[in-house]
Amino acid sequence: MPGTDLTAPEEFDIHAAYLHILEDTEISPPLAAILALSELVVNSKAGTMFELVQALNDGAEQLKQQTTNSISLNAGCELFIAFVTLFPHESDSFSGLKTELINQGRKYAAEALSYRERIARLTLGFIKDDSVILTHSYSRVVMRALLHAHKTKRISVYVTEARPRGLGLKTHAALTAAGIPCTVVLDSAVAYVMDQVDFILVGSEAVVESGGLINAVGSNQMAIIAKAAHKPFYALAESYKFHRLFPLSQYDLPTHTPTILSFPPLLGQSVAARDTLSGVSIGAPAAPEQETLSLEKASGVSAQRTMTSEQIAQNPDVDYTRPDLISLVFSDVGILTPEGVSQYLVGMFAG
C-alpha cells in the first residue's frame, strides 16, 4: 500500500538499540551506529536491495534526528551503507545476503575495537623519553596512546579542563591513577603552557575530506596556538571516523545552528527583560550585592562564577580545525598527512 513502510518493523527502535550499544564504554558512536544498523538489517522485512538500502537510510536519518551531535554517528552510518551498497552479491538468496551483511557488520565492529591499540603503537615512535604532552578533553584513543607510552617511557601530560563538560578532569583522574604526572590547565591558559610542551595529541569526532579535524570545542584554538609556537599538532583517529564532509569554516558544521553564539534580541523588550538578559536586576535591592562584595573582599576569596544552562546551550560542542594546522593524523590505516586522509577517503568510498 502507498505510504506503508514494509522494510522496518514498527517494533524495532533503532535509537533505543543505539543507546543500548553505547552502554559499553569501549564502543564509540560510529561503531554503535554500525551495530545498530546491523540490527536493523536483522529486523528488516526488505525483499530487495533497494528496499534494504532505503530502510538503512531511513534508520540513519532517525539516529541523526534524535542525536544532538550526529557528526561521528553519521560517519559510521555512511561507512556501513556504503559497505552494503558495494558488497559483492554472491549469496544464493537475498535472505542469505542479509545474513552475510549482518555477520560482516558485527565482525567489523569487533575488529575495530583493536584499532586504538594499533594507533597507540604507531604514536609511540613519536614520543620521546621525558616528553611533555598537551591534550584536550577526554579521548579513548589518546588515553590508549598515553597509557601505552607510559609502559616504556617517562611522560608528563597537561590536559585542558574542557568546559563546559569538564571532561579533562576525567582524563586527569585516569592518568593520575595510572601513575602519569598530569596537570589540569584552564582552557584560557593554553597559550600560557604551550612553551612547556613538546607536542599536542588530540582525539577526534571526525576527520573530514579536506584532512581537517572536528573535535571537542577548543581544539581549533589549541592548533592555532601550536602553529604559532612551532609545536607539532597530532590528531588520533580511527578510520571509521573518516567522514565525507567538506566544511570551510565553523559555520559549515552540521552541529551549527542560528542560536549558537547569537546575541539576545533586545529591541522592543522592557528594561526589566533587558536587565535580566544582561545578568543585572535593577529592581532588586543593592544591599545584598554590596554585602556579598564586602564579604568577598574581606575574605580574599571570590565567589565562583558559572555559566547558566542557557548560556552553555548557546555555545558549540565541537569545532573545526583546518588541515594546514594539523601536522599528522595517526590512524589504524597508517600515519597520514591531511592530504593523505583525503586520498584515503576517495579510495574507501570508490569501492
Protein backbone atom coordinates (compact mmCIF):
# COMPACT_ATOMS: atom_id res chain seq x y z
CA MET A 1 0.00 0.00 0.00
CA PRO A 2 1.25 3.50 -0.74
CA GLY A 3 2.78 5.19 2.30
CA THR A 4 3.22 1.89 4.17
CA ASP A 5 6.79 1.08 5.31
CA LEU A 6 7.33 -2.65 4.88
CA THR A 7 11.10 -2.55 5.38
CA ALA A 8 11.42 -1.54 9.02
CA PRO A 9 9.01 -3.09 11.55
CA GLU A 10 7.46 -0.63 13.99
CA GLU A 11 8.58 -2.70 16.97
CA PHE A 12 12.27 -2.14 16.21
CA ASP A 13 13.53 1.10 17.75
CA ILE A 14 16.91 1.82 16.20
CA HIS A 15 17.64 4.71 18.56
CA ALA A 16 16.96 2.54 21.61
CA ALA A 17 19.26 -0.12 20.14
CA TYR A 18 21.93 2.52 19.54
CA LEU A 19 21.76 3.80 23.13
CA HIS A 20 21.88 0.24 24.49
CA ILE A 21 25.05 -0.47 22.47
CA LEU A 22 26.65 2.73 23.78
CA GLU A 23 26.34 1.41 27.33
CA ASP A 24 29.59 -0.39 26.56
CA THR A 25 32.08 2.42 27.25
CA GLU A 26 34.61 0.99 24.80
CA ILE A 27 32.24 1.47 21.86
CA SER A 28 32.23 4.89 20.24
CA PRO A 29 29.24 6.43 18.39
CA PRO A 30 30.35 5.39 14.86
CA LEU A 31 30.67 1.73 15.89
CA ALA A 32 27.40 1.90 17.80
CA ALA A 33 25.74 3.22 14.65
CA ILE A 34 27.19 0.36 12.57
CA LEU A 35 25.95 -2.23 15.07
CA ALA A 36 22.52 -0.56 15.31
CA LEU A 37 22.18 -0.62 11.51
CA SER A 38 23.21 -4.27 11.55
CA GLU A 39 20.35 -4.93 13.98
CA LEU A 40 18.04 -3.04 11.64
CA VAL A 41 19.01 -5.47 8.88
CA VAL A 42 18.14 -8.34 11.25
CA ASN A 43 14.68 -6.87 11.82
CA SER A 44 14.10 -5.67 8.28
CA LYS A 45 11.44 -7.23 6.06
CA ALA A 46 13.11 -5.87 2.92
CA GLY A 47 12.87 -8.23 -0.04
CA THR A 48 15.19 -6.36 -2.39
CA MET A 49 18.47 -4.48 -2.15
CA PHE A 50 16.68 -1.23 -2.99
CA GLU A 51 14.28 -1.68 -0.06
CA LEU A 52 17.13 -2.62 2.29
CA VAL A 53 19.22 0.44 1.39
CA GLN A 54 16.12 2.62 1.80
CA ALA A 55 15.49 1.13 5.26
CA LEU A 56 19.11 1.77 6.24
CA ASN A 57 18.95 5.37 5.04
CA ASP A 58 15.72 5.87 7.00
CA GLY A 59 17.30 4.33 10.10
CA ALA A 60 20.37 6.53 9.78
CA GLU A 61 18.13 9.59 9.48
CA GLN A 62 16.24 8.58 12.64
CA LEU A 63 19.52 8.35 14.54
CA LYS A 64 20.64 11.76 13.31
CA GLN A 65 17.32 13.39 14.18
CA GLN A 66 17.43 12.07 17.75
CA THR A 67 21.06 12.94 18.47
CA THR A 68 22.32 16.43 19.32
CA ASN A 69 25.77 15.90 17.81
CA SER A 70 25.43 13.42 14.97
CA ILE A 71 28.78 14.00 13.24
CA SER A 72 30.69 10.90 14.34
CA LEU A 73 27.49 8.83 14.33
CA ASN A 74 26.89 9.82 10.72
CA ALA A 75 30.42 8.73 9.76
CA GLY A 76 29.57 5.20 10.94
CA CYS A 77 26.21 5.22 9.14
CA GLU A 78 27.85 6.40 5.94
CA LEU A 79 30.51 3.70 6.14
CA PHE A 80 28.04 0.85 6.74
CA ILE A 81 25.61 1.93 4.00
CA ALA A 82 28.50 2.26 1.54
CA PHE A 83 29.62 -1.23 2.53
CA VAL A 84 26.14 -2.64 1.94
CA THR A 85 25.89 -0.91 -1.43
CA LEU A 86 29.31 -2.10 -2.60
CA PHE A 87 29.16 -5.60 -1.07
CA PRO A 88 29.52 -8.35 -3.71
CA HIS A 89 26.19 -10.14 -4.17
CA GLU A 90 27.31 -13.76 -4.27
CA SER A 91 24.69 -15.32 -1.98
CA ASP A 92 22.13 -17.74 -3.45
CA SER A 93 19.25 -15.84 -1.85
CA PHE A 94 18.52 -12.35 -0.57
CA SER A 95 17.99 -13.67 2.95
CA GLY A 96 21.45 -15.26 2.70
CA LEU A 97 22.87 -11.92 1.61
CA LYS A 98 21.27 -10.18 4.58
CA THR A 99 22.75 -12.75 6.95
CA GLU A 100 26.18 -12.18 5.44
CA LEU A 101 25.82 -8.39 5.78
CA ILE A 102 24.83 -8.76 9.43
CA ASN A 103 27.80 -11.03 10.15
CA GLN A 104 30.22 -8.73 8.33
CA GLY A 105 28.94 -5.66 10.19
CA ARG A 106 29.37 -7.33 13.56
CA LYS A 107 32.77 -8.70 12.59
CA TYR A 108 33.97 -5.24 11.51
CA ALA A 109 32.81 -3.67 14.78
CA ALA A 110 34.61 -6.36 16.79
CA GLU A 111 37.84 -5.88 14.82
CA ALA A 112 37.55 -2.10 15.05
CA LEU A 113 37.93 -2.27 18.83
CA SER A 114 41.59 -3.15 18.22
CA TYR A 115 42.21 0.00 16.16
CA ARG A 116 43.08 2.12 19.18
CA GLU A 117 45.86 -0.26 20.17
CA ARG A 118 47.21 -0.12 16.62
CA ILE A 119 47.19 3.68 16.71
CA ALA A 120 48.89 3.65 20.12
CA ARG A 121 51.76 1.59 18.70
CA LEU A 122 52.17 3.99 15.77
CA THR A 123 52.14 7.01 18.08
CA LEU A 124 54.82 5.52 20.34
CA GLY A 125 57.53 6.15 17.75
CA PHE A 126 56.89 9.90 18.01
CA ILE A 127 57.00 10.02 21.81
CA LYS A 128 60.49 10.50 23.22
CA ASP A 129 61.53 9.80 26.77
CA ASP A 130 60.67 12.69 29.14
CA SER A 131 58.14 14.12 26.68
CA VAL A 132 55.72 16.76 27.92
CA ILE A 133 52.40 16.36 26.08
CA LEU A 134 49.35 18.59 25.90
CA THR A 135 45.98 17.00 25.26
CA HIS A 136 42.40 18.23 25.22
CA SER A 137 39.24 16.97 26.95
CA TYR A 138 38.87 13.16 27.03
CA SER A 139 39.55 10.76 24.16
CA ARG A 140 39.63 6.96 24.31
CA VAL A 141 42.28 6.67 21.62
CA VAL A 142 44.50 9.35 23.18
CA MET A 143 44.18 7.63 26.55
CA ARG A 144 45.22 4.34 24.95
CA ALA A 145 48.25 6.01 23.34
CA LEU A 146 49.35 7.69 26.58
CA LEU A 147 48.94 4.56 28.69
CA HIS A 148 50.83 2.54 26.07
CA ALA A 149 53.69 5.05 26.04
CA HIS A 150 53.83 5.02 29.85
CA LYS A 151 54.81 1.35 29.79
CA THR A 152 58.24 2.13 28.29
CA LYS A 153 58.77 5.89 28.51
CA ARG A 154 58.59 8.70 31.03
CA ILE A 155 55.93 11.20 30.02
CA SER A 156 54.13 14.11 31.65
CA VAL A 157 50.77 15.40 30.49
CA TYR A 158 48.93 18.70 30.56
CA VAL A 159 45.21 18.36 29.91
CA THR A 160 42.72 21.16 29.38
CA GLU A 161 39.70 21.33 31.64
CA ALA A 162 37.47 21.33 28.52
CA ARG A 163 34.45 23.25 29.74
CA PRO A 164 31.52 23.10 29.89
CA ARG A 165 31.53 19.31 30.34
CA GLY A 166 34.88 19.29 32.11
CA LEU A 167 35.99 16.02 30.56
CA GLY A 168 39.62 16.98 31.03
CA LEU A 169 39.11 16.16 34.71
CA LYS A 170 38.22 12.60 33.69
CA THR A 171 41.49 12.37 31.75
CA HIS A 172 43.40 13.78 34.72
CA ALA A 173 41.90 11.23 37.10
CA ALA A 174 42.65 8.29 34.80
CA LEU A 175 46.25 9.34 34.07
CA THR A 176 46.98 10.11 37.72
CA ALA A 177 45.61 6.70 38.73
CA ALA A 178 47.97 5.12 36.18
CA GLY A 179 50.97 6.94 37.67
CA ILE A 180 51.42 9.50 34.90
CA PRO A 181 52.22 13.06 36.12
CA CYS A 182 49.29 15.17 34.95
CA THR A 183 48.19 18.76 35.48
CA VAL A 184 44.86 20.33 34.53
CA VAL A 185 45.12 23.53 32.51
CA LEU A 186 42.43 26.18 32.17
CA ASP A 187 41.08 26.38 28.62
CA SER A 188 42.12 30.02 28.65
CA ALA A 189 45.71 29.11 29.66
CA VAL A 190 46.64 27.04 26.60
CA ALA A 191 48.92 29.77 25.24
CA TYR A 192 50.49 30.15 28.68
CA VAL A 193 51.53 26.50 28.85
CA MET A 194 52.41 25.99 25.16
CA ASP A 195 56.12 26.79 25.56
CA GLN A 196 56.41 23.98 28.11
CA VAL A 197 55.12 21.18 25.85
CA ASP A 198 56.82 19.13 23.15
CA PHE A 199 53.70 18.39 21.10
CA ILE A 200 49.92 18.15 21.19
CA LEU A 201 47.83 14.96 20.98
CA VAL A 202 44.08 15.22 20.42
CA GLY A 203 41.36 12.75 19.54
CA SER A 204 38.59 13.29 17.02
CA GLU A 205 34.88 13.32 16.44
CA ALA A 206 35.63 13.05 12.73
CA VAL A 207 38.39 13.66 10.19
CA VAL A 208 36.83 15.25 7.14
CA GLU A 209 37.51 15.10 3.42
CA SER A 210 39.89 18.05 3.42
CA GLY A 211 42.00 16.38 6.11
CA GLY A 212 40.66 18.81 8.69
CA LEU A 213 39.54 17.79 12.15
CA ILE A 214 36.24 18.01 14.01
CA ASN A 215 36.74 17.61 17.72
CA ALA A 216 35.70 18.93 21.14
CA VAL A 217 35.43 22.71 21.09
CA GLY A 218 38.76 24.30 21.94
CA SER A 219 40.79 22.03 19.63
CA ASN A 220 40.94 24.69 16.93
CA GLN A 221 42.36 27.42 19.16
CA MET A 222 44.86 24.90 20.53
CA ALA A 223 46.01 24.11 16.98
CA ILE A 224 46.31 27.81 16.11
CA ILE A 225 48.49 28.44 19.19
CA ALA A 226 50.58 25.32 18.48
CA LYS A 227 51.20 26.51 14.91
CA ALA A 228 52.32 29.93 16.15
CA ALA A 229 54.63 28.28 18.70
CA HIS A 230 56.01 25.80 16.12
CA LYS A 231 54.80 22.79 18.09
CA PRO A 232 53.55 19.62 16.30
CA PHE A 233 49.79 19.10 16.47
CA TYR A 234 48.87 15.43 16.08
CA ALA A 235 45.34 14.08 15.65
CA LEU A 236 44.49 10.46 16.52
CA ALA A 237 41.53 8.99 14.67
CA GLU A 238 40.19 5.53 13.94
CA SER A 239 39.44 5.11 10.22
CA TYR A 240 35.72 4.69 10.91
CA LYS A 241 35.75 8.37 11.88
CA PHE A 242 36.85 9.45 8.39
CA HIS A 243 33.86 11.37 7.13
CA ARG A 244 32.85 12.74 3.73
CA LEU A 245 32.24 16.29 4.88
CA PHE A 246 33.94 19.38 3.48
CA PRO A 247 33.44 22.27 5.92
CA LEU A 248 35.19 25.53 5.12
CA SER A 249 34.51 27.17 8.49
CA GLN A 250 32.89 26.57 11.86
CA TYR A 251 29.56 27.65 10.40
CA ASP A 252 29.52 24.81 7.87
CA LEU A 253 29.40 22.13 10.57
CA PRO A 254 26.16 20.10 10.81
CA THR A 255 26.00 20.98 14.51
CA HIS A 256 25.88 24.72 13.90
CA THR A 257 22.53 26.42 14.43
CA PRO A 258 21.48 30.07 14.35
CA THR A 259 21.23 30.10 18.16
CA ILE A 260 24.91 29.25 18.70
CA LEU A 261 26.75 32.33 19.99
CA SER A 262 23.81 34.51 18.96
CA PHE A 263 23.03 37.84 20.56
CA PRO A 264 19.80 38.16 22.54
CA PRO A 265 17.05 40.19 20.85
CA LEU A 266 16.99 43.44 22.82
CA LEU A 267 14.87 45.68 20.60
CA GLY A 268 11.31 46.09 21.81
CA GLN A 269 11.99 44.46 25.16
CA SER A 270 11.26 46.06 28.50
CA VAL A 271 14.04 47.40 30.68
CA ALA A 272 13.42 44.58 33.17
CA ALA A 273 13.74 41.90 30.48
CA ARG A 274 16.86 43.54 29.06
CA ASP A 275 18.44 43.71 32.51
CA THR A 276 17.60 40.07 33.16
CA LEU A 277 19.42 39.05 29.97
CA SER A 278 22.47 41.08 30.97
CA GLY A 279 22.55 39.45 34.40
CA VAL A 280 21.62 42.65 36.27
CA SER A 281 18.37 43.16 38.13
CA ILE A 282 17.73 46.88 38.63
CA GLY A 283 14.60 46.18 40.63
CA ALA A 284 16.48 44.14 43.24
CA PRO A 285 17.87 45.82 46.36
CA ALA A 286 21.54 46.76 46.14
CA ALA A 287 22.35 45.88 49.74
CA PRO A 288 22.73 42.05 49.35
CA GLU A 289 25.08 42.50 46.36
CA GLN A 290 27.13 45.06 48.25
CA GLU A 291 27.19 42.78 51.27
CA THR A 292 28.43 39.87 49.13
CA LEU A 293 31.17 42.03 47.60
CA SER A 294 32.21 43.19 51.06
CA LEU A 295 32.43 39.61 52.31
CA GLU A 296 34.44 38.58 49.26
CA LYS A 297 36.82 41.48 49.76
CA ALA A 298 37.24 40.74 53.46
CA SER A 299 37.88 37.03 52.93
CA GLY A 300 40.04 37.47 49.84
CA VAL A 301 38.01 34.76 48.10
CA SER A 302 35.72 35.48 45.15
CA ALA A 303 32.50 33.57 44.68
CA GLN A 304 32.73 31.06 41.84
CA ARG A 305 31.05 32.24 38.67
CA THR A 306 29.42 29.61 36.45
CA MET A 307 27.51 29.80 33.20
CA THR A 308 23.81 29.11 33.15
CA SER A 309 22.44 26.15 31.23
CA GLU A 310 21.01 28.58 28.68
CA GLN A 311 24.43 30.18 28.16
CA ILE A 312 26.05 26.77 27.76
CA ALA A 313 23.38 25.76 25.21
CA GLN A 314 24.32 28.82 23.12
CA ASN A 315 27.90 27.58 22.79
CA PRO A 316 29.27 24.93 20.40
CA ASP A 317 30.21 21.41 21.48
CA VAL A 318 32.71 20.87 18.68
CA ASP A 319 34.83 22.96 16.35
CA TYR A 320 36.66 22.55 13.05
CA THR A 321 40.45 22.65 12.71
CA ARG A 322 41.84 23.39 9.25
CA PRO A 323 44.20 20.83 7.69
CA ASP A 324 47.08 23.32 7.49
CA LEU A 325 47.14 23.42 11.30
CA ILE A 326 47.48 19.63 11.63
CA SER A 327 50.92 18.04 11.45
CA LEU A 328 49.91 14.38 11.10
CA VAL A 329 46.91 12.11 11.53
CA PHE A 330 47.60 8.79 13.28
CA SER A 331 45.12 6.12 12.23
CA ASP A 332 44.80 2.37 12.10
CA VAL A 333 45.48 2.61 8.35
CA GLY A 334 48.79 4.36 8.95
CA ILE A 335 50.34 7.74 9.67
CA LEU A 336 48.80 10.18 7.22
CA THR A 337 49.22 13.77 6.24
CA PRO A 338 45.93 15.68 5.99
CA GLU A 339 46.20 15.33 2.21
CA GLY A 340 46.63 11.58 2.66
CA VAL A 341 43.31 11.42 4.52
CA SER A 342 41.56 12.94 1.52
CA GLN A 343 43.12 10.38 -0.82
CA TYR A 344 42.17 7.52 1.50
CA LEU A 345 38.55 8.66 1.66
CA VAL A 346 38.30 8.76 -2.13
CA GLY A 347 39.59 5.20 -2.35
CA MET A 348 37.44 3.93 0.53
CA PHE A 349 34.15 5.06 -0.98
CA ALA A 350 35.11 4.26 -4.56
CA GLY A 351 34.99 0.58 -3.77
